[in-house]
Protein backbone atom coordinates (compact mmCIF):
# COMPACT_ATOMS: atom_id res chain seq x y z
CA MET A 1 -17.47 -8.57 5.88
CA LYS A 2 -14.21 -8.63 4.20
CA ASP A 3 -15.64 -8.87 0.48
CA GLN A 4 -18.10 -5.99 2.19
CA GLN A 5 -16.26 -3.77 3.46
CA ASP A 6 -13.83 -4.18 0.07
CA ALA A 7 -17.22 -2.82 -2.46
CA ALA A 8 -17.98 -0.85 -0.02
CA ILE A 9 -14.20 0.54 0.34
CA PHE A 10 -13.98 0.81 -3.86
CA THR A 11 -17.99 2.55 -3.95
CA THR A 12 -16.10 5.38 -1.32
CA ALA A 13 -12.84 5.83 -3.16
CA ALA A 14 -14.46 5.84 -7.02
CA PHE A 15 -17.92 7.81 -6.09
CA ALA A 16 -16.96 10.42 -3.53
CA GLY A 17 -13.56 11.08 -4.54
CA LEU A 18 -11.31 10.19 -0.78
CA ARG A 19 -7.84 9.75 -1.10
CA LEU A 20 -7.00 6.95 0.18
CA GLY A 21 -5.65 8.19 3.87
CA GLU A 22 -9.03 9.54 4.66
CA ARG A 23 -11.15 6.67 3.62
CA ARG A 24 -9.04 5.81 6.72
CA ALA A 25 -9.88 7.88 9.14
CA LEU A 26 -13.30 7.80 7.89
CA ARG A 27 -15.65 6.94 11.10
CA TRP A 28 -19.05 6.10 10.83
CA CYS A 29 -19.87 9.43 12.42
CA ASP A 30 -18.73 11.36 9.21
CA ALA A 31 -21.36 9.67 7.43
CA ASP A 32 -24.34 11.56 7.57
CA PHE A 33 -27.24 10.15 5.54
CA ASP A 34 -29.60 12.84 6.30
CA LEU A 35 -28.02 15.04 4.50
CA ARG A 36 -26.51 12.83 2.10
CA VAL A 37 -23.74 14.00 3.08
CA VAL A 38 -19.98 12.20 3.72
CA HIS A 39 -17.90 14.99 6.40
CA VAL A 40 -13.76 14.25 5.64
CA ARG A 41 -12.36 15.55 9.15
CA ARG A 42 -9.85 13.15 9.09
CA SER A 43 -6.59 11.23 7.53
CA TYR A 44 -4.32 8.41 9.14
CA THR A 45 -1.20 8.33 6.71
CA GLY A 46 1.46 6.69 7.86
CA SER A 47 1.43 6.07 12.03
CA SER A 48 -0.77 9.31 12.43
CA GLU A 49 -4.95 10.61 12.53
CA ASP A 50 -3.82 14.09 11.10
CA ALA A 51 -5.94 17.00 9.54
CA PRO A 52 -6.88 15.72 5.55
CA LYS A 53 -4.54 16.94 2.27
CA SER A 54 -6.12 19.98 2.09
CA GLY A 55 -5.77 21.24 5.32
CA ARG A 56 -9.59 22.01 5.65
CA VAL A 57 -12.67 19.72 6.70
CA ARG A 58 -14.94 19.45 3.76
CA ALA A 59 -18.02 17.57 2.77
CA VAL A 60 -18.63 15.54 -0.47
CA PRO A 61 -21.97 14.47 -2.05
CA MET A 62 -23.32 11.01 -0.16
CA VAL A 63 -24.60 9.80 -3.98
CA ASP A 64 -26.89 6.20 -3.36
CA ARG A 65 -24.07 3.53 -4.41
CA VAL A 66 -22.48 5.26 -1.74
CA ALA A 67 -25.16 5.36 0.42
CA ARG A 68 -26.21 2.02 -0.59
CA ALA A 69 -22.33 0.55 0.23
CA LEU A 70 -22.62 2.19 3.32
CA ASP A 71 -25.75 1.62 4.53
CA ASP A 72 -25.26 -1.97 4.07
CA LEU A 73 -21.50 -2.39 5.80
CA SER A 74 -24.12 -0.34 9.17
CA ARG A 75 -25.49 -2.83 9.66
CA ARG A 76 -22.76 -5.36 10.83
CA GLU A 77 -21.90 -6.75 14.32
CA ARG A 78 -19.38 -4.98 14.98
CA PHE A 79 -17.90 -1.80 14.44
CA THR A 80 -20.67 0.26 13.85
CA ALA A 81 -20.39 2.93 17.25
CA PRO A 82 -20.62 6.37 15.67
CA GLY A 83 -16.68 6.64 16.58
CA ASP A 84 -16.50 3.55 15.05
CA LEU A 85 -14.36 3.41 11.36
CA VAL A 86 -15.81 2.58 8.68
CA PHE A 87 -12.83 0.57 7.11
CA PRO A 88 -11.40 -1.15 10.42
CA GLY A 89 -9.08 -3.64 9.64
CA PRO A 90 -9.89 -7.08 11.93
CA GLU A 91 -9.28 -5.54 15.50
CA GLY A 92 -11.49 -2.31 15.11
CA ASP A 93 -7.84 -0.13 13.86
CA PHE A 94 -7.00 1.51 11.55
CA MET A 95 -6.42 -1.03 8.31
CA THR A 96 -3.58 -1.65 7.04
CA THR A 97 -1.91 0.52 3.59
CA PRO A 98 -1.53 -2.06 2.00
CA ARG A 99 -4.95 -3.72 2.42
CA CYS A 100 -7.28 -0.75 1.71
CA ALA A 101 -5.02 0.11 -1.23
CA ALA A 102 -5.94 -3.18 -2.21
CA ALA A 103 -10.07 -2.75 -2.48
CA THR A 104 -10.14 -0.16 -4.75
CA THR A 105 -7.35 -1.78 -8.02
CA PRO A 106 -8.09 -4.78 -8.20
CA ARG A 107 -10.03 -4.87 -10.56
CA PHE A 108 -8.68 -2.09 -12.90
CA GLY A 109 -5.10 -2.36 -11.97
CA PRO A 110 -2.60 -0.34 -10.36
CA ARG A 111 -3.06 2.86 -11.62
CA THR A 112 -6.76 4.03 -11.26
CA SER A 113 -6.53 6.64 -9.07
CA SER A 114 -8.94 7.14 -5.75
CA THR A 115 -11.03 9.79 -8.96
CA TRP A 116 -11.40 7.34 -10.57
CA ALA A 117 -14.94 8.02 -11.19
CA SER A 118 -14.43 11.67 -11.87
CA THR A 119 -12.26 10.66 -14.09
CA THR A 120 -14.60 8.35 -15.92
CA CYS A 121 -18.04 8.84 -14.76
CA ALA A 122 -16.96 12.56 -16.15
CA THR A 123 -19.11 13.87 -19.08
CA PRO A 124 -18.08 16.28 -22.29
CA SER A 125 -20.50 19.16 -22.41
CA GLY A 126 -19.29 18.51 -26.39
CA PRO A 127 -17.08 17.68 -28.38
CA SER A 128 -13.82 18.81 -27.95
CA PRO A 129 -10.92 20.82 -30.71
CA SER A 130 -8.54 18.57 -31.04
CA ARG A 131 -5.55 18.24 -28.98
CA SER A 132 -3.21 19.34 -31.06
CA SER A 133 -5.82 22.67 -31.93
CA ARG A 134 -5.93 23.91 -28.47
CA SER A 135 -3.54 26.47 -27.27
CA ARG A 136 -2.51 25.72 -23.69
CA THR A 137 -4.65 27.28 -21.74
CA SER A 138 -7.49 25.99 -23.60
CA ARG A 139 -9.31 23.31 -21.70
CA PRO A 140 -11.95 22.01 -22.42
CA THR A 141 -15.61 22.46 -20.51
CA TRP A 142 -17.42 19.00 -18.60
CA ALA A 143 -21.51 18.72 -17.87
CA THR A 144 -22.35 19.36 -13.50
CA PRO A 145 -25.35 18.75 -12.53
CA THR A 146 -26.80 22.41 -12.39
CA SER A 147 -25.64 23.82 -15.51
CA PRO A 148 -26.87 22.76 -18.85
CA PRO A 149 -24.86 20.37 -21.72
CA ARG A 150 -23.08 23.57 -24.20
């Protein structure tokens, strides 16, 4: 179960962009497989559960890899009720920060962030001007699923 859960933690961090505290507080009722979204309602930091860092509830898309990982994890024997944590510690309580954080960084080193997919998997929509030719305010544009490449 530990390896399967670690894989699901990494996949959720990478492809849903959930922060560490948001992953720790994620419950099964937050995973909407019908709408293909993960509702980010809470965050667990230190020793308390509170609103997410943004202060707002948000819904993030559940891409196929996240859906598969969470679906596989939902088939385990324990901790699958709607109010249970998706990534619990051994007794069903909140996973410790080092354990949850370690699951997201073993292959990529300590500087890997929870938004790895957004920076690594994003594709520039066209050639970017060289750093020296850009003004301080210009930024390269990025392709999104809803906009065609330029």
